[in-house]
C-alpha atoms as a PDB file:
ATOM      1  CA  MET A   1     159.727-234.761  56.224  1.00  0.00           C
ATOM      2  CA  VAL A   2     161.292-231.402  55.394  1.00  0.00           C
ATOM      3  CA  ALA A   3     160.296-229.974  52.028  1.00  0.00           C
ATOM      4  CA  GLN A   4     163.162-229.295  49.675  1.00  0.00           C
ATOM      5  CA  LEU A   5     163.933-225.625  49.231  1.00  0.00           C
ATOM      6  CA  PRO A   6     163.864-224.152  45.735  1.00  0.00           C
ATOM      7  CA  SER A   7     167.218-223.637  44.077  1.00  0.00           C
ATOM      8  CA  ALA A   8     168.783-220.186  43.937  1.00  0.00           C
ATOM      9  CA  LYS A   9     168.043-220.046  40.206  1.00  0.00           C
ATOM     10  CA  GLU A  10     164.371-220.848  40.773  1.00  0.00           C
ATOM     11  CA  SER A  11     164.087-218.127  43.403  1.00  0.00           C
ATOM     12  CA  ILE A  12     165.959-215.574  41.299  1.00  0.00           C
ATOM     13  CA  ASP A  13     163.566-216.274  38.409  1.00  0.00           C
ATOM     14  CA  LYS A  14     160.672-215.582  40.797  1.00  0.00           C
ATOM     15  CA  ILE A  15     162.338-212.360  41.991  1.00  0.00           C
ATOM     16  CA  GLU A  16     162.545-211.090  38.419  1.00  0.00           C
ATOM     17  CA  ALA A  17     158.935-212.091  37.762  1.00  0.00           C
ATOM     18  CA  TYR A  18     157.822-210.262  40.916  1.00  0.00           C
ATOM     19  CA  TYR A  19     159.514-206.978  40.018  1.00  0.00           C
ATOM     20  CA  LYS A  20     158.030-207.077  36.534  1.00  0.00           C
ATOM     21  CA  THR A  21     154.544-207.043  38.079  1.00  0.00           C
ATOM     22  CA  VAL A  22     155.147-204.182  40.540  1.00  0.00           C
ATOM     23  CA  ASN A  23     154.190-200.896  38.914  1.00  0.00           C
ATOM     24  CA  PRO A  24     155.103-198.353  39.954  1.00  0.00           C
ATOM     25  CA  LEU A  25     158.151-199.654  41.802  1.00  0.00           C
ATOM     26  CA  ASN A  26     159.592-197.221  44.343  1.00  0.00           C
ATOM     27  CA  LEU A  27     162.400-198.573  46.522  1.00  0.00           C
ATOM     28  CA  GLU A  28     164.782-197.028  49.011  1.00  0.00           C
ATOM     29  CA  LEU A  29     168.178-198.700  49.284  1.00  0.00           C
ATOM     30  CA  THR A  30     170.639-198.431  52.152  1.00  0.00           C
ATOM     31  CA  TYR A  31     174.279-199.323  51.494  1.00  0.00           C
ATOM     32  CA  THR A  32     176.370-200.090  54.592  1.00  0.00           C
ATOM     33  CA  MET A  33     180.028-201.137  54.622  1.00  0.00           C
ATOM     34  CA  TYR A  34     181.263-203.129  57.613  1.00  0.00           C
ATOM     35  CA  LYS A  35     184.803-204.007  58.619  1.00  0.00           C
ATOM     36  CA  GLY A  36     185.310-207.765  58.786  1.00  0.00           C
ATOM     37  CA  VAL A  37     183.317-210.799  57.717  1.00  0.00           C
ATOM     38  CA  THR A  38     181.115-210.707  60.827  1.00  0.00           C
ATOM     39  CA  GLY A  39     182.055-207.325  62.315  1.00  0.00           C
ATOM     40  CA  ASN A  40     179.519-204.663  63.267  1.00  0.00           C
ATOM     41  CA  GLN A  41     181.780-201.615  62.835  1.00  0.00           C
ATOM     42  CA  ILE A  42     180.220-199.396  60.176  1.00  0.00           C
ATOM     43  CA  THR A  43     182.805-197.597  58.045  1.00  0.00           C
ATOM     44  CA  GLU A  44     180.508-196.120  55.399  1.00  0.00           C
ATOM     45  CA  SER A  45     176.773-195.782  54.828  1.00  0.00           C
ATOM     46  CA  TYR A  46     174.701-194.042  52.178  1.00  0.00           C
ATOM     47  CA  LYS A  47     171.264-194.110  50.557  1.00  0.00           C
ATOM     48  CA  GLY A  48     170.068-194.879  47.068  1.00  0.00           C
ATOM     49  CA  SER A  49     166.772-195.345  45.261  1.00  0.00           C
ATOM     50  CA  ILE A  50     165.189-197.233  42.385  1.00  0.00           C
ATOM     51  CA  TYR A  51     161.997-196.099  40.668  1.00  0.00           C
ATOM     52  CA  LYS A  52     160.167-197.716  37.755  1.00  0.00           C
ATOM     53  CA  ASN A  53     156.849-196.829  36.157  1.00  0.00           C
ATOM     54  CA  LYS A  54     156.142-198.620  32.878  1.00  0.00           C
ATOM     55  CA  THR A  55     158.807-197.399  30.415  1.00  0.00           C
ATOM     56  CA  ILE A  56     160.319-194.842  32.800  1.00  0.00           C
ATOM     57  CA  SER A  57     162.960-195.794  35.343  1.00  0.00           C
ATOM     58  CA  SER A  58     165.497-194.050  37.535  1.00  0.00           C
ATOM     59  CA  MET A  59     168.274-195.109  39.864  1.00  0.00           C
ATOM     60  CA  LYS A  60     170.118-192.750  42.218  1.00  0.00           C
ATOM     61  CA  VAL A  61     173.216-193.387  44.311  1.00  0.00           C
ATOM     62  CA  LEU A  62     176.230-191.350  45.468  1.00  0.00           C
ATOM     63  CA  GLY A  63     175.619-188.189  43.479  1.00  0.00           C
ATOM     64  CA  SER A  64     174.787-189.937  40.232  1.00  0.00           C
ATOM     65  CA  GLU A  65     171.494-190.725  38.558  1.00  0.00           C
ATOM     66  CA  VAL A  66     170.467-192.950  35.668  1.00  0.00           C
ATOM     67  CA  LEU A  67     167.147-192.178  33.971  1.00  0.00           C
ATOM     68  CA  GLN A  68     165.601-194.332  31.310  1.00  0.00           C
ATOM     69  CA  PHE A  69     162.817-193.198  29.025  1.00  0.00           C
ATOM     70  CA  SER A  70     161.153-195.034  26.137  1.00  0.00           C
ATOM     71  CA  GLU A  71     163.834-194.085  23.595  1.00  0.00           C
ATOM     72  CA  VAL A  72     166.768-192.536  25.446  1.00  0.00           C
ATOM     73  CA  GLN A  73     168.767-192.811  28.629  1.00  0.00           C
ATOM     74  CA  LEU A  74     170.347-190.057  30.717  1.00  0.00           C
ATOM     75  CA  LEU A  75     173.383-190.546  32.955  1.00  0.00           C
ATOM     76  CA  ILE A  76     173.745-187.616  35.333  1.00  0.00           C
ATOM     77  CA  ASP A  77     176.924-187.082  37.347  1.00  0.00           C
ATOM     78  CA  ASN A  78     176.265-184.305  39.836  1.00  0.00           C
ATOM     79  CA  GLU A  79     179.889-184.157  40.989  1.00  0.00           C
ATOM     80  CA  GLN A  80     181.389-183.833  37.514  1.00  0.00           C
ATOM     81  CA  LYS A  81     178.336-181.846  36.343  1.00  0.00           C
ATOM     82  CA  THR A  82     177.849-183.884  33.196  1.00  0.00           C
ATOM     83  CA  VAL A  83     174.783-185.391  31.517  1.00  0.00           C
ATOM     84  CA  ILE A  84     175.284-188.218  29.029  1.00  0.00           C
ATOM     85  CA  TYR A  85     172.456-188.526  26.512  1.00  0.00           C
ATOM     86  CA  LYS A  86     172.367-191.938  24.820  1.00  0.00           C
ATOM     87  CA  LYS A  87     170.076-194.453  23.183  1.00  0.00           C
ATOM     88  CA  ASN A  88     167.920-196.565  25.466  1.00  0.00           C
ATOM     89  CA  GLU A  89     169.591-199.925  26.068  1.00  0.00           C
ATOM     90  CA  HIS A  90     166.316-201.543  27.250  1.00  0.00           C
ATOM     91  CA  HIS A  91     167.933-203.402  30.131  1.00  0.00           C
ATOM     92  CA  PHE A  92     167.924-200.778  32.862  1.00  0.00           C
ATOM     93  CA  LEU A  93     167.449-203.126  35.828  1.00  0.00           C
ATOM     94  CA  GLU A  94     170.310-205.315  34.603  1.00  0.00           C
ATOM     95  CA  LYS A  95     172.630-202.596  35.875  1.00  0.00           C
ATOM     96  CA  SER A  96     170.908-202.151  39.215  1.00  0.00           C
ATOM     97  CA  PRO A  97     171.124-204.081  42.497  1.00  0.00           C
ATOM     98  CA  LEU A  98     167.874-205.789  41.500  1.00  0.00           C
ATOM     99  CA  ASP A  99     169.727-207.688  38.782  1.00  0.00           C
ATOM    100  CA  MET A 100     170.504-211.046  40.326  1.00  0.00           C
ATOM    101  CA  SER A 101     170.385-213.164  37.179  1.00  0.00           C
ATOM    102  CA  SER A 102     173.959-212.035  36.463  1.00  0.00           C
ATOM    103  CA  PHE A 103     175.011-213.646  39.744  1.00  0.00           C
ATOM    104  CA  LEU A 104     174.296-217.052  38.231  1.00  0.00           C
ATOM    105  CA  ALA A 105     176.969-216.523  35.576  1.00  0.00           C
ATOM    106  CA  TYR A 106     179.707-216.082  38.172  1.00  0.00           C
ATOM    107  CA  TYR A 107     178.428-217.649  41.391  1.00  0.00           C
ATOM    108  CA  LYS A 108     177.118-221.045  42.423  1.00  0.00           C
ATOM    109  CA  GLU A 109     174.781-221.889  45.255  1.00  0.00           C
ATOM    110  CA  ALA A 110     176.642-223.036  48.372  1.00  0.00           C
ATOM    111  CA  SER A 111     173.747-223.274  50.819  1.00  0.00           C
ATOM    112  CA  ALA A 112     170.050-222.525  51.230  1.00  0.00           C
ATOM    113  CA  VAL A 113     168.251-222.086  54.543  1.00  0.00           C
ATOM    114  CA  ILE A 114     165.149-220.448  55.988  1.00  0.00           C
ATOM    115  CA  LYS A 115     165.706-217.635  58.495  1.00  0.00           C
ATOM    116  CA  GLU A 116     162.840-215.610  59.959  1.00  0.00           C
ATOM    117  CA  HIS A 117     160.570-216.162  56.970  1.00  0.00           C
ATOM    118  CA  HIS A 118     163.338-215.467  54.480  1.00  0.00           C
ATOM    119  CA  LEU A 119     164.933-217.767  51.966  1.00  0.00           C
ATOM    120  CA  VAL A 120     168.655-217.207  52.458  1.00  0.00           C
ATOM    121  CA  TYR A 121     171.073-218.278  49.749  1.00  0.00           C
ATOM    122  CA  GLU A 122     174.841-218.216  50.057  1.00  0.00           C
ATOM    123  CA  MET A 123     176.488-217.889  46.648  1.00  0.00           C
ATOM    124  CA  ILE A 124     180.219-218.411  46.139  1.00  0.00           C
ATOM    125  CA  LEU A 125     182.415-217.600  43.177  1.00  0.00           C
ATOM    126  CA  LYS A 126     182.629-220.418  40.625  1.00  0.00           C
ATOM    127  CA  ASN A 127     186.171-219.512  39.636  1.00  0.00           C
ATOM    128  CA  ILE A 128     188.373-217.583  42.072  1.00  0.00           C
ATOM    129  CA  SER A 129     190.542-216.354  39.196  1.00  0.00           C
ATOM    130  CA  ILE A 130     187.648-214.286  37.806  1.00  0.00           C
ATOM    131  CA  PRO A 131     188.376-210.591  38.517  1.00  0.00           C
ATOM    132  CA  VAL A 132     185.162-209.602  40.308  1.00  0.00           C
ATOM    133  CA  PRO A 133     185.029-207.515  43.507  1.00  0.00           C
ATOM    134  CA  TYR A 134     183.059-210.022  45.602  1.00  0.00           C
ATOM    135  CA  ASN A 135     183.828-213.701  46.189  1.00  0.00           C
ATOM    136  CA  ARG A 136     180.713-214.433  48.235  1.00  0.00           C
ATOM    137  CA  ILE A 137     177.148-213.102  48.167  1.00  0.00           C
ATOM    138  CA  VAL A 138     174.246-213.833  50.508  1.00  0.00           C
ATOM    139  CA  LEU A 139     170.675-213.127  49.369  1.00  0.00           C
ATOM    140  CA  TYR A 140     167.698-212.652  51.707  1.00  0.00           C
ATOM    141  CA  ILE A 141     164.389-213.201  49.906  1.00  0.00           C
ATOM    142  CA  ASN A 142     160.896-212.684  51.286  1.00  0.00           C
ATOM    143  CA  MET A 143     159.208-216.087  51.167  1.00  0.00           C
ATOM    144  CA  ASP A 144     155.733-214.639  50.510  1.00  0.00           C
ATOM    145  CA  THR A 145     156.418-212.126  47.754  1.00  0.00           C
ATOM    146  CA  TYR A 146     159.868-213.104  46.479  1.00  0.00           C
ATOM    147  CA  ALA A 147     161.013-209.531  46.934  1.00  0.00           C
ATOM    148  CA  ILE A 148     164.712-209.178  47.671  1.00  0.00           C
ATOM    149  CA  GLU A 149     165.156-207.604  51.107  1.00  0.00           C
ATOM    150  CA  LYS A 150     168.897-207.749  51.683  1.00  0.00           C
ATOM    151  CA  GLN A 151     172.167-208.571  49.964  1.00  0.00           C
ATOM    152  CA  GLU A 152     175.466-209.194  51.720  1.00  0.00           C
ATOM    153  CA  LEU A 153     178.506-208.842  49.469  1.00  0.00           C
ATOM    154  CA  TYR A 154     181.939-209.923  50.722  1.00  0.00           C
ATOM    155  CA  LEU A 155     184.969-208.344  49.086  1.00  0.00           C
ATOM    156  CA  SER A 156     187.416-210.754  47.476  1.00  0.00           C
ATOM    157  CA  ASN A 157     190.474-209.000  48.877  1.00  0.00           C
ATOM    158  CA  LYS A 158     191.295-207.199  52.086  1.00  0.00           C
ATOM    159  CA  VAL A 159     191.045-203.414  51.992  1.00  0.00           C
ATOM    160  CA  PRO A 160     192.477-200.736  54.309  1.00  0.00           C
ATOM    161  CA  PHE A 161     190.335-199.452  57.169  1.00  0.00           C
ATOM    162  CA  PHE A 162     191.317-196.512  59.374  1.00  0.00           C
ATOM    163  CA  ASP A 163     190.382-195.893  62.991  1.00  0.00           C
ATOM    164  CA  LYS A 164     189.755-192.482  64.563  1.00  0.00           C
ATOM    165  CA  GLU A 165     193.482-192.005  65.151  1.00  0.00           C
ATOM    166  CA  GLY A 166     194.254-192.753  61.505  1.00  0.00           C
ATOM    167  CA  LYS A 167     195.785-196.161  62.198  1.00  0.00           C
ATOM    168  CA  GLN A 168     195.386-198.523  59.257  1.00  0.00           C
ATOM    169  CA  THR A 169     194.349-202.172  59.418  1.00  0.00           C
ATOM    170  CA  ASP A 170     193.579-204.406  56.461  1.00  0.00           C
ATOM    171  CA  ASP A 171     190.469-206.560  56.612  1.00  0.00           C
ATOM    172  CA  ILE A 172     187.684-208.026  54.495  1.00  0.00           C
ATOM    173  CA  GLY A 173     184.929-205.531  53.749  1.00  0.00           C
ATOM    174  CA  ARG A 174     181.282-206.567  53.861  1.00  0.00           C
ATOM    175  CA  MET A 175     178.753-204.457  51.980  1.00  0.00           C
ATOM    176  CA  GLU A 176     175.121-204.857  52.996  1.00  0.00           C
ATOM    177  CA  ILE A 177     172.345-203.498  50.781  1.00  0.00           C
ATOM    178  CA  THR A 178     168.834-203.394  52.214  1.00  0.00           C
ATOM    179  CA  PHE A 179     165.715-202.813  50.119  1.00  0.00           C
ATOM    180  CA  GLN A 180     162.437-201.379  51.352  1.00  0.00           C
ATOM    181  CA  SER A 181     159.444-199.592  49.895  1.00  0.00           C
ATOM    182  CA  SER A 182     160.003-195.848  49.901  1.00  0.00           C
ATOM    183  CA  SER A 183     158.049-193.778  52.402  1.00  0.00           C
ATOM    184  CA  ASN A 184     158.219-190.838  49.968  1.00  0.00           C
ATOM    185  CA  PRO A 185     155.884-191.646  47.081  1.00  0.00           C
ATOM    186  CA  ILE A 186     156.690-190.023  43.760  1.00  0.00           C
ATOM    187  CA  LYS A 187     153.635-188.064  42.611  1.00  0.00           C
ATOM    188  CA  ASP A 188     154.794-187.472  39.059  1.00  0.00           C
ATOM    189  CA  ALA A 189     157.048-189.749  37.028  1.00  0.00           C
ATOM    190  CA  PRO A 190     160.170-188.067  35.589  1.00  0.00           C
ATOM    191  CA  LYS A 191     159.743-186.547  32.139  1.00  0.00           C
ATOM    192  CA  LEU A 192     162.471-186.138  29.546  1.00  0.00           C
ATOM    193  CA  GLN A 193     161.582-182.457  29.089  1.00  0.00           C
ATOM    194  CA  ASP A 194     162.413-181.900  32.764  1.00  0.00           C
ATOM    195  CA  TYR A 195     166.058-182.476  31.817  1.00  0.00           C
ATOM    196  CA  VAL A 196     166.659-181.734  28.133  1.00  0.00           C
ATOM    197  CA  LEU A 197     165.163-179.806  25.242  1.00  0.00           C
ATOM    198  CA  LEU A 198     165.339-181.392  21.792  1.00  0.00           C
ATOM    199  CA  LYS A 199     164.585-178.313  19.668  1.00  0.00           C
ATOM    200  CA  PRO A 200     166.023-176.288  18.054  1.00  0.00           C
ATOM    201  CA  GLU A 201     168.974-178.445  19.152  1.00  0.00           C
ATOM    202  CA  LEU A 202     169.761-180.771  22.026  1.00  0.00           C
ATOM    203  CA  GLN A 203     170.364-178.735  25.168  1.00  0.00           C
ATOM    204  CA  LEU A 204     169.875-178.934  28.910  1.00  0.00           C
ATOM    205  CA  VAL A 205     167.059-177.148  30.692  1.00  0.00           C
ATOM    206  CA  GLN A 206     167.849-174.138  32.874  1.00  0.00           C
ATOM    207  CA  ARG A 207     168.081-176.272  36.010  1.00  0.00           C
ATOM    208  CA  TYR A 208     171.173-177.947  34.528  1.00  0.00           C
ATOM    209  CA  ALA A 209     172.551-174.872  32.794  1.00  0.00           C
ATOM    210  CA  ASN A 210     175.987-175.267  34.416  1.00  0.00           C
ATOM    211  CA  TYR A 211     176.259-178.939  33.371  1.00  0.00           C
ATOM    212  CA  THR A 212     177.861-180.258  30.175  1.00  0.00           C
ATOM    213  CA  ILE A 213     175.744-182.476  27.935  1.00  0.00           C
ATOM    214  CA  ILE A 214     177.446-185.308  26.036  1.00  0.00           C
ATOM    215  CA  ASP A 215     175.479-186.711  23.105  1.00  0.00           C
ATOM    216  CA  GLN A 216     176.272-190.399  22.535  1.00  0.00           C
ATOM    217  CA  THR A 217     173.256-191.306  20.418  1.00  0.00           C
ATOM    218  CA  ASN A 218     175.451-191.803  17.332  1.00  0.00           C
ATOM    219  CA  LEU A 219     177.906-194.159  19.019  1.00  0.00           C
END
């Protein structure tokens, strides 16, 4: 008799419980875009990271960084050279790839299988009229720890891809995000004073002297 697999909701609850216990959390993320639903042609790839240590968290991807401290949050855009200073919203991971509880609001479980010691859930959009970028998501969860190890996100609409000669073809894009423990441990957690000075008035430290600070604490 084959044991019944836990539902996607049950596993997602365990994922969230697992990440609450890991401290510090230091993950390296790899984002890879493929052409086609099952294709292996890579069209884009880049790295990201997530770090959490008690009340301090950071997330980096594509030239931007979000830092959360006990009372405030910083949003750094290294391309636009801006730093947004705002009140802490206390739900940092809800805006990161680790937030899978939000999937349950828009997606329903279509299948659940075991593959190579992973629980694999296929989630499909509950309502195709909802304007979200992905109509299907596949989650790969470590069966021992309930750590998320991979997400596959399938774009709802075809997008243009270009070959080496510049010829365009439209196809479904598939974004894969892999998660693994970082091989570069962070010795010291980020400190607010490494980025801004509060007295005599709010200003950026010398390292960010050519950036513009935007104070949104009164919004």
